[in-house]
Amino acid sequence: MAVLNILRYPDPRLHRVAEPVREVDDRIRQLVRDMAETMYAAPGIGLAATQVDVHLRVIVIDVSEARDQLRVFVNPEIVERSDDTKVYEEGCLSVPGIYDEVERPDRVTVRALDENGEPFTLQADALLAVCVQHEIDHLNGRVFVQYLSRLKQSRIKSRLLKAERAVA
């Protein structure tokens, strides 16, 4: 397994739409293991393949307290959203140190394949629903800061670019 490099906003590769996985094979299972290791090391609760510059529709999530309930979603799609919404404070491994409130449907039903290529459907609510939506957004080339005002987006972009220059 390997800890992968996580792309940082405003990297344009974060806006690339991921391609469907044609076959869940050993290459995809290795990607899942590497993504899980990367997510846990970061530490985070979710990671999309797009964030590690692999543009395939794969996400890993673990919202458990013990960090021992990894969920794998290959080719995930939201098939139902609740009408009621909730505001959660979101952060992102690709936008380090930035947290802001985003309003999303409170419950979703997602259909996907697992790491063995087996189809499943999951009804998610609360934090898991937020995380599923956030990570699927990544697969669609969208970063959570795009839900914020243009002014906030501009400030975040400037802050991250300044921090990047300071490190270089």
Protein backbone atom coordinates (compact mmCIF):
# COMPACT_ATOMS: atom_id res chain seq x y z
CA MET A 1 0.00 0.00 0.00
CA ALA A 2 1.03 3.60 -0.47
CA VAL A 3 0.11 7.03 0.75
CA LEU A 4 -0.80 9.01 -2.36
CA ASN A 5 -0.31 12.72 -3.03
CA ILE A 6 -3.54 14.70 -2.51
CA LEU A 7 -4.20 17.49 -5.02
CA ARG A 8 -4.80 20.91 -3.48
CA TYR A 9 -7.39 23.46 -4.51
CA PRO A 10 -7.26 25.39 -6.86
CA ASP A 11 -5.46 22.68 -8.89
CA PRO A 12 -7.42 22.43 -12.18
CA ARG A 13 -7.22 18.62 -12.10
CA LEU A 14 -9.76 18.73 -9.24
CA HIS A 15 -12.34 19.92 -11.78
CA ARG A 16 -11.92 17.00 -14.16
CA VAL A 17 -14.94 14.69 -14.34
CA ALA A 18 -14.05 11.09 -13.44
CA GLU A 19 -14.66 8.22 -15.85
CA PRO A 20 -16.72 5.15 -14.90
CA VAL A 21 -14.79 2.07 -13.83
CA ARG A 22 -15.28 -0.57 -16.52
CA GLU A 23 -14.20 -3.53 -14.40
CA VAL A 24 -13.45 -3.88 -10.71
CA ASP A 25 -10.14 -5.73 -10.95
CA ASP A 26 -6.91 -5.99 -8.95
CA ARG A 27 -5.82 -2.55 -10.18
CA ILE A 28 -8.99 -0.96 -8.75
CA ARG A 29 -8.68 -2.93 -5.49
CA GLN A 30 -5.08 -1.67 -5.13
CA LEU A 31 -6.29 1.89 -5.77
CA VAL A 32 -8.92 1.41 -3.03
CA ARG A 33 -6.27 0.17 -0.56
CA ASP A 34 -3.97 3.10 -1.39
CA MET A 35 -6.82 5.59 -1.13
CA ALA A 36 -7.88 4.18 2.24
CA GLU A 37 -4.32 4.40 3.57
CA THR A 38 -4.07 7.98 2.26
CA MET A 39 -7.41 8.98 3.81
CA TYR A 40 -6.53 7.50 7.21
CA ALA A 41 -3.05 9.06 7.18
CA ALA A 42 -4.32 12.54 6.25
CA PRO A 43 -6.50 12.10 8.48
CA GLY A 44 -9.88 12.37 6.78
CA ILE A 45 -13.26 10.67 6.60
CA GLY A 46 -13.60 10.49 2.83
CA LEU A 47 -11.50 10.58 -0.32
CA ALA A 48 -12.34 10.54 -4.02
CA ALA A 49 -9.97 9.16 -6.64
CA THR A 50 -10.03 12.58 -8.32
CA GLN A 51 -8.26 14.02 -5.28
CA VAL A 52 -5.28 11.72 -5.86
CA ASP A 53 -5.21 12.52 -9.60
CA VAL A 54 -6.86 9.26 -10.67
CA HIS A 55 -9.92 10.18 -12.69
CA LEU A 56 -12.02 7.10 -12.09
CA ARG A 57 -15.32 6.95 -10.20
CA VAL A 58 -14.05 5.51 -6.90
CA ILE A 59 -14.54 6.85 -3.37
CA VAL A 60 -13.67 5.59 0.10
CA ILE A 61 -15.40 6.72 3.30
CA ASP A 62 -15.11 5.92 6.99
CA VAL A 63 -17.17 8.06 9.35
CA SER A 64 -16.84 5.65 12.29
CA GLU A 65 -15.28 6.83 15.56
CA ALA A 66 -12.94 3.81 15.65
CA ARG A 67 -11.89 4.31 11.99
CA ASP A 68 -12.64 0.64 11.27
CA GLN A 69 -15.68 0.75 8.98
CA LEU A 70 -14.28 1.49 5.54
CA ARG A 71 -16.92 1.86 2.85
CA VAL A 72 -15.97 1.59 -0.81
CA PHE A 73 -18.10 3.01 -3.61
CA VAL A 74 -17.22 2.26 -7.24
CA ASN A 75 -19.30 4.11 -9.85
CA PRO A 76 -21.54 5.64 -7.16
CA GLU A 77 -24.71 7.43 -8.15
CA ILE A 78 -27.28 9.13 -6.01
CA VAL A 79 -30.66 7.71 -6.97
CA GLU A 80 -32.77 9.56 -4.40
CA ARG A 81 -32.44 12.73 -2.32
CA SER A 82 -34.63 13.88 0.54
CA ASP A 83 -36.50 17.14 0.18
CA ASP A 84 -35.38 18.22 3.64
CA THR A 85 -31.92 19.69 3.87
CA LYS A 86 -29.44 20.29 6.61
CA VAL A 87 -26.44 22.60 6.98
CA TYR A 88 -23.16 20.95 7.96
CA GLU A 89 -19.72 22.41 8.37
CA GLU A 90 -17.56 20.78 5.73
CA GLY A 91 -13.85 20.54 5.23
CA CYS A 92 -11.79 18.82 2.58
CA LEU A 93 -8.38 17.18 2.33
CA SER A 94 -7.87 19.13 -0.92
CA VAL A 95 -8.68 22.41 0.81
CA PRO A 96 -6.65 22.09 4.03
CA GLY A 97 -7.58 24.24 6.99
CA ILE A 98 -10.77 25.59 5.40
CA TYR A 99 -14.17 24.80 6.87
CA ASP A 100 -17.51 26.31 5.97
CA GLU A 101 -21.20 25.54 6.07
CA VAL A 102 -22.86 23.84 3.11
CA GLU A 103 -26.53 22.97 2.79
CA ARG A 104 -27.30 19.56 1.30
CA PRO A 105 -30.13 17.01 1.32
CA ASP A 106 -30.21 15.33 4.73
CA ARG A 107 -30.75 11.83 3.32
CA VAL A 108 -29.65 10.16 0.09
CA THR A 109 -29.89 6.75 -1.47
CA VAL A 110 -26.76 5.75 -3.34
CA ARG A 111 -26.19 2.86 -5.70
CA ALA A 112 -22.65 1.59 -6.36
CA LEU A 113 -20.37 -1.40 -6.66
CA ASP A 114 -18.19 -2.59 -3.78
CA GLU A 115 -14.48 -3.48 -4.00
CA ASN A 116 -15.45 -6.92 -5.36
CA GLY A 117 -17.65 -5.50 -8.10
CA GLU A 118 -20.86 -6.47 -6.30
CA PRO A 119 -23.73 -3.97 -6.62
CA PHE A 120 -25.33 -2.51 -3.50
CA THR A 121 -27.74 0.24 -2.51
CA LEU A 122 -27.26 2.28 0.65
CA GLN A 123 -29.55 4.73 2.38
CA ALA A 124 -27.41 7.33 4.13
CA ASP A 125 -28.30 10.16 6.48
CA ALA A 126 -26.53 12.72 8.65
CA LEU A 127 -22.72 12.77 8.31
CA LEU A 128 -22.57 9.75 5.98
CA ALA A 129 -25.02 11.42 3.59
CA VAL A 130 -22.95 14.61 3.61
CA CYS A 131 -19.76 12.68 2.99
CA VAL A 132 -21.24 10.64 0.11
CA GLN A 133 -22.49 13.82 -1.57
CA HIS A 134 -19.20 15.65 -0.98
CA GLU A 135 -17.12 12.83 -2.48
CA ILE A 136 -19.44 12.30 -5.46
CA ASP A 137 -19.12 16.03 -6.10
CA HIS A 138 -15.35 15.46 -6.45
CA LEU A 139 -16.00 12.77 -9.06
CA ASN A 140 -18.09 15.33 -10.93
CA GLY A 141 -15.29 17.91 -10.82
CA ARG A 142 -16.79 20.00 -8.03
CA VAL A 143 -15.05 21.11 -4.83
CA PHE A 144 -17.15 22.09 -1.79
CA VAL A 145 -15.90 25.70 -1.86
CA GLN A 146 -17.89 26.13 -5.08
CA TYR A 147 -21.02 26.17 -2.90
CA LEU A 148 -19.70 29.32 -1.22
CA SER A 149 -19.91 32.93 -2.41
CA ARG A 150 -17.46 34.11 -5.06
CA LEU A 151 -15.86 36.38 -2.48
CA LYS A 152 -15.22 33.47 -0.10
CA GLN A 153 -13.91 31.35 -3.00
CA SER A 154 -11.50 34.11 -3.98
CA ARG A 155 -10.25 34.54 -0.41
CA ILE A 156 -9.76 30.78 0.01
CA LYS A 157 -7.89 30.52 -3.29
CA SER A 158 -5.60 33.42 -2.33
CA ARG A 159 -4.97 32.02 1.15
CA LEU A 160 -4.06 28.55 -0.17
CA LEU A 161 -1.83 29.91 -2.95
CA LYS A 162 -0.03 32.12 -0.43
CA ALA A 163 0.49 29.16 1.92
CA GLU A 164 1.81 27.07 -0.99
CA ARG A 165 4.32 29.78 -1.94
CA ALA A 166 5.48 30.06 1.69
CA VAL A 167 6.26 26.33 1.77
CA ALA A 168 8.06 26.29 -1.61
